[in-house]
Protein backbone atom coordinates (compact mmCIF):
# COMPACT_ATOMS: atom_id res chain seq x y z
CA UNK A 1 9.63 -160.85 -23.96
CA UNK A 2 6.49 -162.70 -25.04
CA UNK A 3 8.59 -165.38 -26.75
CA UNK A 4 10.63 -165.99 -23.59
CA UNK A 5 7.45 -166.33 -21.51
CA UNK A 6 6.07 -168.80 -24.05
CA UNK A 7 9.33 -170.81 -23.95
CA UNK A 8 9.25 -170.80 -20.15
CA UNK A 9 5.75 -172.31 -20.11
CA UNK A 10 6.60 -174.85 -22.82
CA UNK A 11 9.63 -175.97 -20.81
CA UNK A 12 7.51 -176.15 -17.66
CA UNK A 13 4.95 -178.35 -19.43
CA UNK A 14 7.77 -180.60 -20.71
CA UNK A 15 9.02 -181.03 -17.14
CA UNK A 16 5.56 -181.82 -15.75
CA UNK A 17 4.44 -183.96 -18.70
CA UNK A 18 7.58 -185.23 -20.43
CA UNK A 19 7.32 -186.22 -24.07
CA UNK A 20 7.59 -189.84 -25.12
CA UNK A 21 11.22 -190.42 -26.09
CA UNK A 22 10.26 -191.47 -29.64
CA UNK A 23 8.02 -188.41 -30.01
CA UNK A 24 10.85 -186.16 -28.85
CA UNK A 25 13.13 -187.67 -31.49
CA UNK A 26 10.59 -187.29 -34.31
CA UNK A 27 9.65 -183.78 -33.20
CA UNK A 28 13.22 -182.61 -33.73
CA UNK A 29 13.70 -184.14 -37.19
CA UNK A 30 13.85 -181.91 -40.24
CA UNK A 31 14.31 -182.66 -43.94
CA UNK A 32 18.11 -182.61 -43.70
CA UNK A 33 18.28 -184.97 -40.71
CA UNK A 34 15.85 -187.39 -42.37
CA UNK A 35 17.85 -187.29 -45.61
CA UNK A 36 20.96 -188.17 -43.58
CA UNK A 37 19.47 -191.19 -41.80
CA UNK A 38 21.73 -194.24 -42.12
CA UNK A 39 21.08 -196.34 -45.19
CA UNK A 40 20.01 -199.95 -44.79
CA UNK A 41 22.31 -202.74 -45.92
CA UNK A 42 21.20 -204.77 -48.95
CA UNK A 43 18.89 -207.68 -48.22
CA UNK A 44 20.83 -210.88 -48.67
CA UNK A 45 19.53 -213.09 -51.52
CA UNK A 46 16.62 -210.68 -52.11
CA UNK A 47 18.07 -207.99 -54.36
CA UNK A 48 14.60 -206.91 -55.50
CA UNK A 49 14.00 -205.43 -52.04
CA UNK A 50 15.33 -201.88 -51.65
CA UNK A 51 15.20 -200.81 -48.00
CA UNK A 52 15.98 -197.13 -47.62
CA UNK A 53 16.89 -196.77 -43.95
CA UNK A 54 18.44 -198.96 -41.31
CA UNK A 55 15.73 -199.87 -38.80
CA UNK A 56 18.36 -200.44 -36.12
CA UNK A 57 18.96 -196.69 -36.03
CA UNK A 58 17.22 -195.04 -33.09
CA UNK A 59 15.75 -192.23 -35.21
CA UNK A 60 14.42 -194.60 -37.89
CA UNK A 61 12.85 -196.81 -35.26
CA UNK A 62 11.27 -193.75 -33.58
CA UNK A 63 9.72 -192.60 -36.88
CA UNK A 64 8.27 -196.05 -37.55
CA UNK A 65 6.91 -196.53 -34.02
CA UNK A 66 5.43 -193.05 -33.83
CA UNK A 67 3.66 -193.51 -37.16
CA UNK A 68 2.52 -197.08 -36.60
CA UNK A 69 1.39 -196.93 -33.00
CA UNK A 70 0.71 -193.24 -32.27
CA UNK A 71 -0.46 -191.99 -35.68
CA UNK A 72 2.27 -189.34 -35.59
CA UNK A 73 2.59 -188.20 -39.21
CA UNK A 74 5.01 -185.35 -38.46
CA UNK A 75 7.91 -186.75 -40.56
CA UNK A 76 5.79 -188.01 -43.46
CA UNK A 77 6.19 -185.03 -45.75
CA UNK A 78 9.97 -185.47 -45.82
CA UNK A 79 9.75 -189.26 -45.97
CA UNK A 80 7.18 -189.14 -48.78
CA UNK A 81 9.49 -186.94 -50.83
CA UNK A 82 12.50 -189.22 -50.35
CA UNK A 83 10.53 -192.38 -51.15
CA UNK A 84 8.99 -190.72 -54.21
CA UNK A 85 12.45 -189.80 -55.49
CA UNK A 86 13.56 -193.43 -55.01
CA UNK A 87 10.48 -194.67 -56.88
CA UNK A 88 11.12 -192.25 -59.74
CA UNK A 89 14.72 -193.49 -59.99
CA UNK A 90 13.49 -197.08 -60.26
CA UNK A 91 10.76 -196.09 -62.73
CA UNK A 92 13.20 -194.26 -65.00
CA UNK A 93 15.14 -197.47 -65.64
CA UNK A 94 11.92 -199.19 -66.74
CA UNK A 95 10.70 -196.26 -68.83
CA UNK A 96 13.95 -196.34 -70.83
CA UNK A 97 12.86 -199.70 -72.25
CA UNK A 98 9.08 -199.25 -72.15
CA UNK A 99 7.81 -195.70 -72.58
CA UNK A 100 4.21 -196.89 -72.14
CA UNK A 101 4.85 -198.52 -68.76
CA UNK A 102 2.33 -197.77 -66.05
CA UNK A 103 2.98 -197.79 -62.32
CA UNK A 104 0.69 -198.57 -59.42
CA UNK A 105 1.11 -197.59 -55.78
CA UNK A 106 -0.77 -199.95 -53.46
CA UNK A 107 -0.55 -199.58 -49.69
CA UNK A 108 -0.27 -202.83 -47.76
CA UNK A 109 -3.77 -203.55 -46.46
CA UNK A 110 -4.62 -204.31 -42.86
CA UNK A 111 -7.54 -206.38 -41.65
CA UNK A 112 -10.79 -204.73 -40.73
CA UNK A 113 -10.24 -205.86 -37.13
CA UNK A 114 -6.84 -204.16 -36.95
CA UNK A 115 -8.21 -201.02 -38.63
CA UNK A 116 -11.02 -200.89 -36.06
CA UNK A 117 -8.53 -201.36 -33.23
CA UNK A 118 -5.93 -198.88 -34.49
CA UNK A 119 -8.20 -196.55 -36.44
CA UNK A 120 -5.81 -196.09 -39.38
CA UNK A 121 -3.39 -197.83 -41.72
CA UNK A 122 0.10 -196.36 -41.64
CA UNK A 123 0.96 -197.66 -45.13
CA UNK A 124 -1.93 -195.60 -46.51
CA UNK A 125 -0.46 -192.54 -44.82
CA UNK A 126 2.94 -193.28 -46.40
CA UNK A 127 1.40 -193.86 -49.84
CA UNK A 128 -0.52 -190.57 -49.65
CA UNK A 129 2.66 -188.73 -48.59
CA UNK A 130 4.39 -190.18 -51.65
CA UNK A 131 1.51 -189.09 -53.90
CA UNK A 132 1.76 -185.49 -52.67
CA UNK A 133 5.09 -185.30 -54.50
CA UNK A 134 3.80 -186.99 -57.67
CA UNK A 135 3.02 -183.73 -59.48
CA UNK A 136 3.16 -185.41 -62.90
CA UNK A 137 0.71 -188.14 -61.79
CA UNK A 138 3.00 -190.99 -62.77
CA UNK A 139 1.61 -193.31 -60.09
CA UNK A 140 -1.88 -194.78 -59.98
CA UNK A 141 -3.03 -195.02 -56.36
CA UNK A 142 -5.06 -198.21 -56.01
CA UNK A 143 -5.65 -199.17 -52.36
CA UNK A 144 -8.71 -201.17 -53.40
CA UNK A 145 -6.65 -203.64 -55.45
CA UNK A 146 -5.46 -205.59 -52.42
CA UNK A 147 -7.59 -206.78 -49.54
CA UNK A 148 -6.42 -208.59 -46.44
CA UNK A 149 -8.79 -211.50 -46.06
CA UNK A 150 -7.10 -213.44 -43.29
CA UNK A 151 -6.40 -212.13 -39.80
CA UNK A 152 -2.79 -212.99 -38.95
CA UNK A 153 -0.73 -212.53 -35.83
CA UNK A 154 0.92 -209.13 -35.52
CA UNK A 155 4.48 -209.21 -36.89
CA UNK A 156 5.72 -207.63 -33.70
CA UNK A 157 4.55 -210.78 -31.89
CA UNK A 158 6.17 -213.33 -34.22
CA UNK A 159 9.75 -214.43 -34.27
CA UNK A 160 11.88 -212.39 -36.69
CA UNK A 161 13.03 -215.33 -38.81
CA UNK A 162 9.47 -216.65 -39.18
CA UNK A 163 8.10 -213.36 -40.46
CA UNK A 164 11.11 -212.51 -42.61
CA UNK A 165 10.76 -215.66 -44.69
CA UNK A 166 7.01 -216.21 -44.50
CA UNK A 167 6.64 -216.38 -48.30
CA UNK A 168 8.87 -219.49 -48.46
CA UNK A 169 6.34 -221.69 -46.66
């Protein structure tokens, strides 16, 4: 009886104050649904890049937007585990040839202006979620090794082709 009353009030609140569509998507994701997100196609001419998920998928896009713009870390535990497993797979190939190899995990830095505006860095959240699964401490977390020194235009405000190939200029 108490559970049905609670559900009634939760549904009433959802009607009065509907959830953001991206939040509603992320809220309903579990480990299995995240593991089954569509894989990204290989990056043409850049085989050293290993994208895990296809950003064109509505669920993938919702996860990214909720994390980046709303600080919604709800899916990070599952994502951190999957990314850690991918990193371990890549590391194992290297360790076969160099048992003394060391590995560093560095989140992409943001400028101090953007940090002040947003209040957080989503790549730090992702890196920390990855580290939670690094029980054997194979990764050295070194956020201090990179520093963004130049304020640049937000990627969401630049043309896709310009930002995709920015390192060629």
